[in-house]
PDB file of N, CA and C in Angstrom:
ATOM      1  N   MET A   1     202.395  75.217  34.563  1.00  0.00           N
ATOM      2  CA  MET A   1     203.380  76.153  34.046  1.00  0.00           C
ATOM      3  C   MET A   1     202.906  76.637  32.668  1.00  0.00           C
ATOM      4  N   LEU A   2     203.035  77.925  32.448  1.00  0.00           N
ATOM      5  CA  LEU A   2     202.640  78.518  31.178  1.00  0.00           C
ATOM      6  C   LEU A   2     203.821  78.548  30.213  1.00  0.00           C
ATOM      7  N   THR A   3     203.524  78.391  28.940  1.00  0.00           N
ATOM      8  CA  THR A   3     204.572  78.493  27.923  1.00  0.00           C
ATOM      9  C   THR A   3     204.989  79.957  27.769  1.00  0.00           C
ATOM     10  N   GLU A   4     206.051  80.167  27.033  1.00  0.00           N
ATOM     11  CA  GLU A   4     206.516  81.524  26.732  1.00  0.00           C
ATOM     12  C   GLU A   4     205.399  82.326  26.054  1.00  0.00           C
ATOM     13  N   GLN A   5     204.784  81.732  25.054  1.00  0.00           N
ATOM     14  CA  GLN A   5     203.732  82.418  24.315  1.00  0.00           C
ATOM     15  C   GLN A   5     202.530  82.734  25.203  1.00  0.00           C
ATOM     16  N   GLN A   6     202.106  81.787  26.021  1.00  0.00           N
ATOM     17  CA  GLN A   6     200.967  82.013  26.914  1.00  0.00           C
ATOM     18  C   GLN A   6     201.281  83.101  27.942  1.00  0.00           C
ATOM     19  N   GLY A   7     202.449  82.993  28.569  1.00  0.00           N
ATOM     20  CA  GLY A   7     202.825  83.959  29.594  1.00  0.00           C
ATOM     21  C   GLY A   7     202.944  85.369  29.043  1.00  0.00           C
ATOM     22  N   CYS A   8     203.551  85.495  27.888  1.00  0.00           N
ATOM     23  CA  CYS A   8     203.711  86.824  27.279  1.00  0.00           C
ATOM     24  C   CYS A   8     202.366  87.413  26.879  1.00  0.00           C
ATOM     25  N   ALA A   9     201.447  86.575  26.407  1.00  0.00           N
ATOM     26  CA  ALA A   9     200.112  87.063  26.044  1.00  0.00           C
ATOM     27  C   ALA A   9     199.385  87.588  27.272  1.00  0.00           C
ATOM     28  N   VAL A  10     199.486  86.882  28.383  1.00  0.00           N
ATOM     29  CA  VAL A  10     198.859  87.332  29.632  1.00  0.00           C
ATOM     30  C   VAL A  10     199.467  88.660  30.071  1.00  0.00           C
ATOM     31  N   LEU A  11     200.785  88.738  30.075  1.00  0.00           N
ATOM     32  CA  LEU A  11     201.446  89.961  30.528  1.00  0.00           C
ATOM     33  C   LEU A  11     201.114  91.145  29.632  1.00  0.00           C
ATOM     34  N   LYS A  12     201.106  90.938  28.338  1.00  0.00           N
ATOM     35  CA  LYS A  12     200.763  92.033  27.430  1.00  0.00           C
ATOM     36  C   LYS A  12     199.356  92.542  27.735  1.00  0.00           C
ATOM     37  N   ARG A  13     198.421  91.621  27.914  1.00  0.00           N
ATOM     38  CA  ARG A  13     197.040  92.007  28.204  1.00  0.00           C
ATOM     39  C   ARG A  13     196.948  92.792  29.511  1.00  0.00           C
ATOM     40  N   VAL A  14     197.613  92.313  30.554  1.00  0.00           N
ATOM     41  CA  VAL A  14     197.574  92.993  31.857  1.00  0.00           C
ATOM     42  C   VAL A  14     198.200  94.383  31.752  1.00  0.00           C
ATOM     43  N   PHE A  15     199.374  94.474  31.165  1.00  0.00           N
ATOM     44  CA  PHE A  15     200.058  95.764  31.068  1.00  0.00           C
ATOM     45  C   PHE A  15     199.251  96.752  30.227  1.00  0.00           C
ATOM     46  N   GLN A  16     198.698  96.293  29.112  1.00  0.00           N
ATOM     47  CA  GLN A  16     197.899  97.188  28.282  1.00  0.00           C
ATOM     48  C   GLN A  16     196.613  97.612  28.997  1.00  0.00           C
ATOM     49  N   SER A  17     196.013  96.705  29.749  1.00  0.00           N
ATOM     50  CA  SER A  17     194.787  97.068  30.471  1.00  0.00           C
ATOM     51  C   SER A  17     195.055  98.121  31.537  1.00  0.00           C
ATOM     52  N   ARG A  18     196.315  98.242  31.937  1.00  0.00           N
ATOM     53  CA  ARG A  18     196.708  99.233  32.937  1.00  0.00           C
ATOM     54  C   ARG A  18     197.232 100.514  32.288  1.00  0.00           C
ATOM     55  N   GLY A  19     197.151 100.591  30.951  1.00  0.00           N
ATOM     56  CA  GLY A  19     197.492 101.821  30.253  1.00  0.00           C
ATOM     57  C   GLY A  19     198.873 101.884  29.638  1.00  0.00           C
ATOM     58  N   PHE A  20     199.638 100.815  29.705  1.00  0.00           N
ATOM     59  CA  PHE A  20     200.984 100.822  29.141  1.00  0.00           C
ATOM     60  C   PHE A  20     200.935 100.492  27.654  1.00  0.00           C
ATOM     61  N   GLN A  21     201.774 101.163  26.891  1.00  0.00           N
ATOM     62  CA  GLN A  21     201.873 100.973  25.437  1.00  0.00           C
ATOM     63  C   GLN A  21     203.003  99.985  25.162  1.00  0.00           C
ATOM     64  N   VAL A  22     202.684  98.716  25.218  1.00  0.00           N
ATOM     65  CA  VAL A  22     203.679  97.651  25.155  1.00  0.00           C
ATOM     66  C   VAL A  22     204.139  97.399  23.726  1.00  0.00           C
ATOM     67  N   GLN A  23     205.446  97.390  23.571  1.00  0.00           N
ATOM     68  CA  GLN A  23     206.070  96.923  22.333  1.00  0.00           C
ATOM     69  C   GLN A  23     206.627  95.541  22.652  1.00  0.00           C
ATOM     70  N   GLU A  24     206.388  94.575  21.771  1.00  0.00           N
ATOM     71  CA  GLU A  24     206.816  93.201  22.031  1.00  0.00           C
ATOM     72  C   GLU A  24     208.184  92.904  21.432  1.00  0.00           C
ATOM     73  N   ASN A  25     208.917  92.013  22.111  1.00  0.00           N
ATOM     74  CA  ASN A  25     210.213  91.523  21.628  1.00  0.00           C
ATOM     75  C   ASN A  25     211.142  92.654  21.216  1.00  0.00           C
ATOM     76  N   VAL A  26     211.399  93.523  22.167  1.00  0.00           N
ATOM     77  CA  VAL A  26     212.197  94.721  21.942  1.00  0.00           C
ATOM     78  C   VAL A  26     213.639  94.476  22.375  1.00  0.00           C
ATOM     79  N   PRO A  27     214.606  94.757  21.505  1.00  0.00           N
ATOM     80  CA  PRO A  27     215.999  94.702  21.959  1.00  0.00           C
ATOM     81  C   PRO A  27     216.209  95.814  22.999  1.00  0.00           C
ATOM     82  N   PHE A  28     216.513  95.426  24.221  1.00  0.00           N
ATOM     83  CA  PHE A  28     216.733  96.383  25.300  1.00  0.00           C
ATOM     84  C   PHE A  28     218.229  96.472  25.550  1.00  0.00           C
ATOM     85  N   LYS A  29     218.744  97.689  25.566  1.00  0.00           N
ATOM     86  CA  LYS A  29     220.173  97.915  25.836  1.00  0.00           C
ATOM     87  C   LYS A  29     220.300  99.200  26.622  1.00  0.00           C
ATOM     88  N   GLU A  30     220.806  99.072  27.828  1.00  0.00           N
ATOM     89  CA  GLU A  30     221.074 100.247  28.648  1.00  0.00           C
ATOM     90  C   GLU A  30     222.277  99.932  29.526  1.00  0.00           C
ATOM     91  N   ASP A  31     223.261 100.812  29.472  1.00  0.00           N
ATOM     92  CA  ASP A  31     224.509 100.605  30.210  1.00  0.00           C
ATOM     93  C   ASP A  31     225.030  99.194  29.933  1.00  0.00           C
ATOM     94  N   ASP A  32     225.196  98.395  30.988  1.00  0.00           N
ATOM     95  CA  ASP A  32     225.778  97.059  30.836  1.00  0.00           C
ATOM     96  C   ASP A  32     224.732  95.948  30.809  1.00  0.00           C
ATOM     97  N   VAL A  33     223.487  96.283  30.501  1.00  0.00           N
ATOM     98  CA  VAL A  33     222.410  95.297  30.425  1.00  0.00           C
ATOM     99  C   VAL A  33     221.864  95.273  29.004  1.00  0.00           C
ATOM    100  N   SER A  34     221.814  94.070  28.456  1.00  0.00           N
ATOM    101  CA  SER A  34     221.335  93.911  27.086  1.00  0.00           C
ATOM    102  C   SER A  34     220.596  92.585  26.974  1.00  0.00           C
ATOM    103  N   PHE A  35     219.344  92.637  26.514  1.00  0.00           N
ATOM    104  CA  PHE A  35     218.567  91.419  26.300  1.00  0.00           C
ATOM    105  C   PHE A  35     217.362  91.736  25.421  1.00  0.00           C
ATOM    106  N   GLN A  36     216.683  90.704  24.976  1.00  0.00           N
ATOM    107  CA  GLN A  36     215.464  90.833  24.177  1.00  0.00           C
ATOM    108  C   GLN A  36     214.293  90.852  25.159  1.00  0.00           C
ATOM    109  N   ALA A  37     213.704  92.023  25.368  1.00  0.00           N
ATOM    110  CA  ALA A  37     212.598  92.161  26.325  1.00  0.00           C
ATOM    111  C   ALA A  37     211.305  91.662  25.699  1.00  0.00           C
ATOM    112  N   ASP A  38     210.557  90.870  26.447  1.00  0.00           N
ATOM    113  CA  ASP A  38     209.267  90.383  25.951  1.00  0.00           C
ATOM    114  C   ASP A  38     208.291  91.533  25.750  1.00  0.00           C
ATOM    115  N   GLY A  39     208.338  92.516  26.625  1.00  0.00           N
ATOM    116  CA  GLY A  39     207.473  93.678  26.509  1.00  0.00           C
ATOM    117  C   GLY A  39     208.132  94.901  27.118  1.00  0.00           C
ATOM    118  N   TRP A  40     207.959  96.061  26.478  1.00  0.00           N
ATOM    119  CA  TRP A  40     208.623  97.282  26.949  1.00  0.00           C
ATOM    120  C   TRP A  40     207.829  98.485  26.473  1.00  0.00           C
ATOM    121  N   ASP A  41     207.561  99.391  27.397  1.00  0.00           N
ATOM    122  CA  ASP A  41     206.949 100.678  27.079  1.00  0.00           C
ATOM    123  C   ASP A  41     208.048 101.716  27.270  1.00  0.00           C
ATOM    124  N   PRO A  42     208.676 102.162  26.183  1.00  0.00           N
ATOM    125  CA  PRO A  42     209.831 103.056  26.316  1.00  0.00           C
ATOM    126  C   PRO A  42     209.486 104.414  26.905  1.00  0.00           C
ATOM    127  N   GLN A  43     208.274 104.893  26.718  1.00  0.00           N
ATOM    128  CA  GLN A  43     207.914 106.196  27.268  1.00  0.00           C
ATOM    129  C   GLN A  43     207.771 106.145  28.790  1.00  0.00           C
ATOM    130  N   SER A  44     207.083 105.131  29.296  1.00  0.00           N
ATOM    131  CA  SER A  44     206.917 105.029  30.752  1.00  0.00           C
ATOM    132  C   SER A  44     208.092 104.313  31.403  1.00  0.00           C
ATOM    133  N   ARG A  45     208.926 103.644  30.592  1.00  0.00           N
ATOM    134  CA  ARG A  45     210.090 102.885  31.054  1.00  0.00           C
ATOM    135  C   ARG A  45     209.680 101.758  32.003  1.00  0.00           C
ATOM    136  N   VAL A  46     208.650 101.032  31.546  1.00  0.00           N
ATOM    137  CA  VAL A  46     208.122  99.886  32.278  1.00  0.00           C
ATOM    138  C   VAL A  46     208.015  98.719  31.305  1.00  0.00           C
ATOM    139  N   GLY A  47     208.471  97.542  31.755  1.00  0.00           N
ATOM    140  CA  GLY A  47     208.415  96.382  30.879  1.00  0.00           C
ATOM    141  C   GLY A  47     208.328  95.084  31.641  1.00  0.00           C
ATOM    142  N   TYR A  48     208.392  93.994  30.881  1.00  0.00           N
ATOM    143  CA  TYR A  48     208.327  92.668  31.483  1.00  0.00           C
ATOM    144  C   TYR A  48     209.183  91.676  30.711  1.00  0.00           C
ATOM    145  N   GLU A  49     209.612  90.663  31.437  1.00  0.00           N
ATOM    146  CA  GLU A  49     210.364  89.556  30.856  1.00  0.00           C
ATOM    147  C   GLU A  49     209.874  88.286  31.539  1.00  0.00           C
ATOM    148  N   TYR A  50     209.241  87.411  30.757  1.00  0.00           N
ATOM    149  CA  TYR A  50     208.761  86.123  31.242  1.00  0.00           C
ATOM    150  C   TYR A  50     209.848  85.106  30.947  1.00  0.00           C
ATOM    151  N   MET A  51     210.591  84.741  31.970  1.00  0.00           N
ATOM    152  CA  MET A  51     211.766  83.886  31.820  1.00  0.00           C
ATOM    153  C   MET A  51     211.350  82.414  31.688  1.00  0.00           C
ATOM    154  N   THR A  52     211.694  81.818  30.539  1.00  0.00           N
ATOM    155  CA  THR A  52     211.411  80.397  30.337  1.00  0.00           C
ATOM    156  C   THR A  52     212.649  79.694  29.804  1.00  0.00           C
ATOM    157  N   HIS A  53     212.751  78.426  30.152  1.00  0.00           N
ATOM    158  CA  HIS A  53     213.818  77.602  29.581  1.00  0.00           C
ATOM    159  C   HIS A  53     213.506  77.325  28.112  1.00  0.00           C
ATOM    160  N   GLN A  54     212.225  77.264  27.790  1.00  0.00           N
ATOM    161  CA  GLN A  54     211.777  77.020  26.418  1.00  0.00           C
ATOM    162  C   GLN A  54     212.385  78.043  25.452  1.00  0.00           C
ATOM    163  N   ALA A  55     212.457  79.311  25.877  1.00  0.00           N
ATOM    164  CA  ALA A  55     212.969  80.381  25.007  1.00  0.00           C
ATOM    165  C   ALA A  55     214.432  80.720  25.293  1.00  0.00           C
ATOM    166  N   ASP A  56     215.107  79.926  26.128  1.00  0.00           N
ATOM    167  CA  ASP A  56     216.511  80.170  26.488  1.00  0.00           C
ATOM    168  C   ASP A  56     216.724  81.555  27.103  1.00  0.00           C
ATOM    169  N   ASP A  57     215.715  82.048  27.828  1.00  0.00           N
ATOM    170  CA  ASP A  57     215.821  83.373  28.436  1.00  0.00           C
ATOM    171  C   ASP A  57     216.915  83.450  29.493  1.00  0.00           C
ATOM    172  N   PHE A  58     217.218  82.320  30.120  1.00  0.00           N
ATOM    173  CA  PHE A  58     218.219  82.334  31.185  1.00  0.00           C
ATOM    174  C   PHE A  58     219.623  82.550  30.624  1.00  0.00           C
ATOM    175  N   ASP A  59     219.793  82.323  29.330  1.00  0.00           N
ATOM    176  CA  ASP A  59     221.065  82.628  28.672  1.00  0.00           C
ATOM    177  C   ASP A  59     221.113  84.087  28.229  1.00  0.00           C
ATOM    178  N   ASP A  60     219.945  84.668  27.984  1.00  0.00           N
ATOM    179  CA  ASP A  60     219.851  86.034  27.465  1.00  0.00           C
ATOM    180  C   ASP A  60     219.925  87.089  28.575  1.00  0.00           C
ATOM    181  N   LEU A  61     219.352  86.783  29.723  1.00  0.00           N
ATOM    182  CA  LEU A  61     219.316  87.729  30.845  1.00  0.00           C
ATOM    183  C   LEU A  61     219.862  87.016  32.073  1.00  0.00           C
ATOM    184  N   ASP A  62     221.060  87.396  32.487  1.00  0.00           N
ATOM    185  CA  ASP A  62     221.719  86.674  33.571  1.00  0.00           C
ATOM    186  C   ASP A  62     221.434  87.315  34.936  1.00  0.00           C
ATOM    187  N   PRO A  63     221.779  86.626  36.026  1.00  0.00           N
ATOM    188  CA  PRO A  63     221.492  87.148  37.368  1.00  0.00           C
ATOM    189  C   PRO A  63     222.088  88.532  37.645  1.00  0.00           C
ATOM    190  N   ARG A  64     223.261  88.809  37.098  1.00  0.00           N
ATOM    191  CA  ARG A  64     223.859  90.132  37.297  1.00  0.00           C
ATOM    192  C   ARG A  64     222.990  91.205  36.664  1.00  0.00           C
ATOM    193  N   GLU A  65     222.516  90.930  35.444  1.00  0.00           N
ATOM    194  CA  GLU A  65     221.664  91.900  34.750  1.00  0.00           C
ATOM    195  C   GLU A  65     220.325  92.075  35.466  1.00  0.00           C
ATOM    196  N   ILE A  66     219.777  90.996  35.979  1.00  0.00           N
ATOM    197  CA  ILE A  66     218.525  91.094  36.748  1.00  0.00           C
ATOM    198  C   ILE A  66     218.757  91.965  37.976  1.00  0.00           C
ATOM    199  N   GLY A  67     219.912  91.808  38.602  1.00  0.00           N
ATOM    200  CA  GLY A  67     220.266  92.651  39.745  1.00  0.00           C
ATOM    201  C   GLY A  67     220.346  94.121  39.376  1.00  0.00           C
ATOM    202  N   ARG A  68     220.921  94.404  38.224  1.00  0.00           N
ATOM    203  CA  ARG A  68     221.008  95.799  37.760  1.00  0.00           C
ATOM    204  C   ARG A  68     219.613  96.375  37.527  1.00  0.00           C
ATOM    205  N   LEU A  69     218.720  95.587  36.919  1.00  0.00           N
ATOM    206  CA  LEU A  69     217.344  96.053  36.718  1.00  0.00           C
ATOM    207  C   LEU A  69     216.693  96.381  38.058  1.00  0.00           C
ATOM    208  N   GLY A  70     216.962  95.569  39.063  1.00  0.00           N
ATOM    209  CA  GLY A  70     216.441  95.831  40.404  1.00  0.00           C
ATOM    210  C   GLY A  70     217.005  97.112  40.996  1.00  0.00           C
ATOM    211  N   GLU A  71     218.288  97.347  40.803  1.00  0.00           N
ATOM    212  CA  GLU A  71     218.912  98.586  41.284  1.00  0.00           C
ATOM    213  C   GLU A  71     218.271  99.800  40.621  1.00  0.00           C
ATOM    214  N   TRP A  72     218.036  99.696  39.326  1.00  0.00           N
ATOM    215  CA  TRP A  72     217.438 100.814  38.598  1.00  0.00           C
ATOM    216  C   TRP A  72     216.002 101.058  39.047  1.00  0.00           C
ATOM    217  N   ALA A  73     215.277  99.982  39.353  1.00  0.00           N
ATOM    218  CA  ALA A  73     213.910 100.139  39.873  1.00  0.00           C
ATOM    219  C   ALA A  73     213.952 100.833  41.231  1.00  0.00           C
ATOM    220  N   ASP A  74     214.887 100.426  42.080  1.00  0.00           N
ATOM    221  CA  ASP A  74     215.018 101.057  43.397  1.00  0.00           C
ATOM    222  C   ASP A  74     215.306 102.543  43.271  1.00  0.00           C
ATOM    223  N   ALA A  75     216.018 102.921  42.224  1.00  0.00           N
ATOM    224  CA  ALA A  75     216.364 104.329  41.993  1.00  0.00           C
ATOM    225  C   ALA A  75     215.280 105.079  41.208  1.00  0.00           C
ATOM    226  N   GLY A  76     214.236 104.356  40.777  1.00  0.00           N
ATOM    227  CA  GLY A  76     213.165 104.988  40.016  1.00  0.00           C
ATOM    228  C   GLY A  76     213.505 105.240  38.560  1.00  0.00           C
ATOM    229  N   ARG A  77     214.545 104.595  38.075  1.00  0.00           N
ATOM    230  CA  ARG A  77     215.033 104.821  36.710  1.00  0.00           C
ATOM    231  C   ARG A  77     214.183 104.086  35.660  1.00  0.00           C
ATOM    232  N   LEU A  78     213.800 102.856  35.973  1.00  0.00           N
ATOM    233  CA  LEU A  78     212.953 102.039  35.105  1.00  0.00           C
ATOM    234  C   LEU A  78     212.436 100.869  35.920  1.00  0.00           C
ATOM    235  N   TYR A  79     211.435 100.185  35.375  1.00  0.00           N
ATOM    236  CA  TYR A  79     210.809  99.086  36.106  1.00  0.00           C
ATOM    237  C   TYR A  79     210.575  97.907  35.167  1.00  0.00           C
ATOM    238  N   PHE A  80     211.167  96.761  35.501  1.00  0.00           N
ATOM    239  CA  PHE A  80     210.963  95.538  34.730  1.00  0.00           C
ATOM    240  C   PHE A  80     210.397  94.466  35.639  1.00  0.00           C
ATOM    241  N   PHE A  81     209.296  93.879  35.210  1.00  0.00           N
ATOM    242  CA  PHE A  81     208.720  92.724  35.882  1.00  0.00           C
ATOM    243  C   PHE A  81     209.397  91.498  35.290  1.00  0.00           C
ATOM    244  N   VAL A  82     210.271  90.878  36.061  1.00  0.00           N
ATOM    245  CA  VAL A  82     210.993  89.694  35.614  1.00  0.00           C
ATOM    246  C   VAL A  82     210.488  88.527  36.453  1.00  0.00           C
ATOM    247  N   ILE A  83     209.920  87.535  35.775  1.00  0.00           N
ATOM    248  CA  ILE A  83     209.365  86.395  36.497  1.00  0.00           C
ATOM    249  C   ILE A  83     209.743  85.101  35.799  1.00  0.00           C
ATOM    250  N   ASP A  84     210.062  84.122  36.594  1.00  0.00           N
ATOM    251  CA  ASP A  84     210.496  82.800  36.149  1.00  0.00           C
ATOM    252  C   ASP A  84     209.264  81.908  35.977  1.00  0.00           C
ATOM    253  N   ASP A  85     209.175  81.219  34.858  1.00  0.00           N
ATOM    254  CA  ASP A  85     208.010  80.375  34.590  1.00  0.00           C
ATOM    255  C   ASP A  85     207.804  79.271  35.625  1.00  0.00           C
ATOM    256  N   THR A  86     208.855  78.886  36.331  1.00  0.00           N
ATOM    257  CA  THR A  86     208.695  77.834  37.336  1.00  0.00           C
ATOM    258  C   THR A  86     207.968  78.340  38.580  1.00  0.00           C
ATOM    259  N   ASN A  87     207.809  79.657  38.708  1.00  0.00           N
ATOM    260  CA  ASN A  87     207.095  80.235  39.848  1.00  0.00           C
ATOM    261  C   ASN A  87     205.616  80.465  39.560  1.00  0.00           C
ATOM    262  N   ILE A  88     205.176  80.163  38.349  1.00  0.00           N
ATOM    263  CA  ILE A  88     203.803  80.445  37.926  1.00  0.00           C
ATOM    264  C   ILE A  88     203.127  79.150  37.497  1.00  0.00           C
ATOM    265  N   GLU A  89     201.974  78.878  38.096  1.00  0.00           N
ATOM    266  CA  GLU A  89     201.226  77.679  37.736  1.00  0.00           C
ATOM    267  C   GLU A  89     200.054  77.974  36.812  1.00  0.00           C
ATOM    268  N   THR A  90     199.393  79.125  37.021  1.00  0.00           N
ATOM    269  CA  THR A  90     198.161  79.401  36.279  1.00  0.00           C
ATOM    270  C   THR A  90     198.164  80.825  35.717  1.00  0.00           C
ATOM    271  N   VAL A  91     197.254  81.058  34.799  1.00  0.00           N
ATOM    272  CA  VAL A  91     197.051  82.401  34.263  1.00  0.00           C
ATOM    273  C   VAL A  91     196.713  83.358  35.396  1.00  0.00           C
ATOM    274  N   GLU A  92     195.860  82.916  36.309  1.00  0.00           N
ATOM    275  CA  GLU A  92     195.443  83.772  37.428  1.00  0.00           C
ATOM    276  C   GLU A  92     196.626  84.157  38.313  1.00  0.00           C
ATOM    277  N   ASP A  93     197.540  83.226  38.535  1.00  0.00           N
ATOM    278  CA  ASP A  93     198.742  83.530  39.319  1.00  0.00           C
ATOM    279  C   ASP A  93     199.562  84.629  38.651  1.00  0.00           C
ATOM    280  N   LEU A  94     199.738  84.511  37.346  1.00  0.00           N
ATOM    281  CA  LEU A  94     200.539  85.490  36.603  1.00  0.00           C
ATOM    282  C   LEU A  94     199.836  86.846  36.578  1.00  0.00           C
ATOM    283  N   GLU A  95     198.528  86.846  36.361  1.00  0.00           N
ATOM    284  CA  GLU A  95     197.771  88.104  36.382  1.00  0.00           C
ATOM    285  C   GLU A  95     197.907  88.783  37.740  1.00  0.00           C
ATOM    286  N   TRP A  96     197.764  88.017  38.802  1.00  0.00           N
ATOM    287  CA  TRP A  96     197.858  88.566  40.159  1.00  0.00           C
ATOM    288  C   TRP A  96     199.248  89.187  40.381  1.00  0.00           C
ATOM    289  N   ALA A  97     200.299  88.437  40.034  1.00  0.00           N
ATOM    290  CA  ALA A  97     201.666  88.924  40.253  1.00  0.00           C
ATOM    291  C   ALA A  97     201.947  90.179  39.430  1.00  0.00           C
ATOM    292  N   ALA A  98     201.509  90.191  38.181  1.00  0.00           N
ATOM    293  CA  ALA A  98     201.738  91.355  37.315  1.00  0.00           C
ATOM    294  C   ALA A  98     200.990  92.573  37.833  1.00  0.00           C
ATOM    295  N   ASN A  99     199.768  92.385  38.286  1.00  0.00           N
ATOM    296  CA  ASN A  99     199.007  93.514  38.831  1.00  0.00           C
ATOM    297  C   ASN A  99     199.625  94.047  40.113  1.00  0.00           C
ATOM    298  N   ARG A 100     200.159  93.194  40.972  1.00  0.00           N
ATOM    299  CA  ARG A 100     200.837  93.674  42.185  1.00  0.00           C
ATOM    300  C   ARG A 100     202.074  94.475  41.810  1.00  0.00           C
ATOM    301  N   PHE A 101     202.830  93.987  40.822  1.00  0.00           N
ATOM    302  CA  PHE A 101     203.993  94.718  40.341  1.00  0.00           C
ATOM    303  C   PHE A 101     203.580  96.100  39.834  1.00  0.00           C
ATOM    304  N   LEU A 102     202.561  96.152  39.007  1.00  0.00           N
ATOM    305  CA  LEU A 102     202.122  97.435  38.441  1.00  0.00           C
ATOM    306  C   LEU A 102     201.538  98.357  39.505  1.00  0.00           C
ATOM    307  N   ASP A 103     200.893  97.807  40.508  1.00  0.00           N
ATOM    308  CA  ASP A 103     200.431  98.629  41.638  1.00  0.00           C
ATOM    309  C   ASP A 103     201.618  99.333  42.285  1.00  0.00           C
ATOM    310  N   GLU A 104     202.704  98.603  42.456  1.00  0.00           N
ATOM    311  CA  GLU A 104     203.897  99.184  43.078  1.00  0.00           C
ATOM    312  C   GLU A 104     204.548 100.223  42.167  1.00  0.00           C
ATOM    313  N   VAL A 105     204.583  99.955  40.871  1.00  0.00           N
ATOM    314  CA  VAL A 105     205.131 100.935  39.925  1.00  0.00           C
ATOM    315  C   VAL A 105     204.337 102.227  40.002  1.00  0.00           C
ATOM    316  N   VAL A 106     203.017 102.124  39.972  1.00  0.00           N
ATOM    317  CA  VAL A 106     202.160 103.320  40.039  1.00  0.00           C
ATOM    318  C   VAL A 106     202.394 104.045  41.359  1.00  0.00           C
ATOM    319  N   ARG A 107     202.510 103.294  42.448  1.00  0.00           N
ATOM    320  CA  ARG A 107     202.766 103.927  43.759  1.00  0.00           C
ATOM    321  C   ARG A 107     204.084 104.679  43.737  1.00  0.00           C
ATOM    322  N   ARG A 108     205.112 104.080  43.198  1.00  0.00           N
ATOM    323  CA  ARG A 108     206.445 104.718  43.181  1.00  0.00           C
ATOM    324  C   ARG A 108     206.500 105.922  42.236  1.00  0.00           C
ATOM    325  N   LYS A 109     205.871 105.789  41.098  1.00  0.00           N
ATOM    326  CA  LYS A 109     205.892 106.880  40.118  1.00  0.00           C
ATOM    327  C   LYS A 109     204.917 107.991  40.481  1.00  0.00           C
ATOM    328  N   GLY A 110     203.943 107.665  41.320  1.00  0.00           N
ATOM    329  CA  GLY A 110     202.960 108.666  41.740  1.00  0.00           C
ATOM    330  C   GLY A 110     201.878 108.941  40.725  1.00  0.00           C
ATOM    331  N   ALA A 111     201.865 108.177  39.645  1.00  0.00           N
ATOM    332  CA  ALA A 111     200.856 108.382  38.601  1.00  0.00           C
ATOM    333  C   ALA A 111     200.825 107.183  37.682  1.00  0.00           C
ATOM    334  N   ARG A 112     199.823 107.142  36.872  1.00  0.00           N
ATOM    335  CA  ARG A 112     199.718 106.092  35.852  1.00  0.00           C
ATOM    336  C   ARG A 112     200.660 106.429  34.701  1.00  0.00           C
ATOM    337  N   PRO A 113     200.781 105.492  33.749  1.00  0.00           N
ATOM    338  CA  PRO A 113     201.722 105.703  32.627  1.00  0.00           C
ATOM    339  C   PRO A 113     201.578 107.017  31.905  1.00  0.00           C
TER     340      PRO A 113
END
């Protein structure tokens, strides 16, 4: 399992390598969803949240809010990669998952950032 710091560093590197202009630790507020996003590109409206118990992320972003982010992704409004640290064992696992997510974002948007 990766720490909050390790996971966020991996995600920032992956997202930036794919052309996203990541801002770290951004207060995100839209409609009824509010949390501290680990990474967010406001222009492309693509971001990530590496959920860890270490950082109390489960108190900051609840299941209802995660559901809303999913609804917005389905509608093409914005895209957040939300992943739980208990689902990731290695850096390679996280890189693979983040790249699959970004592949889908690019497919849905029809273009790169």
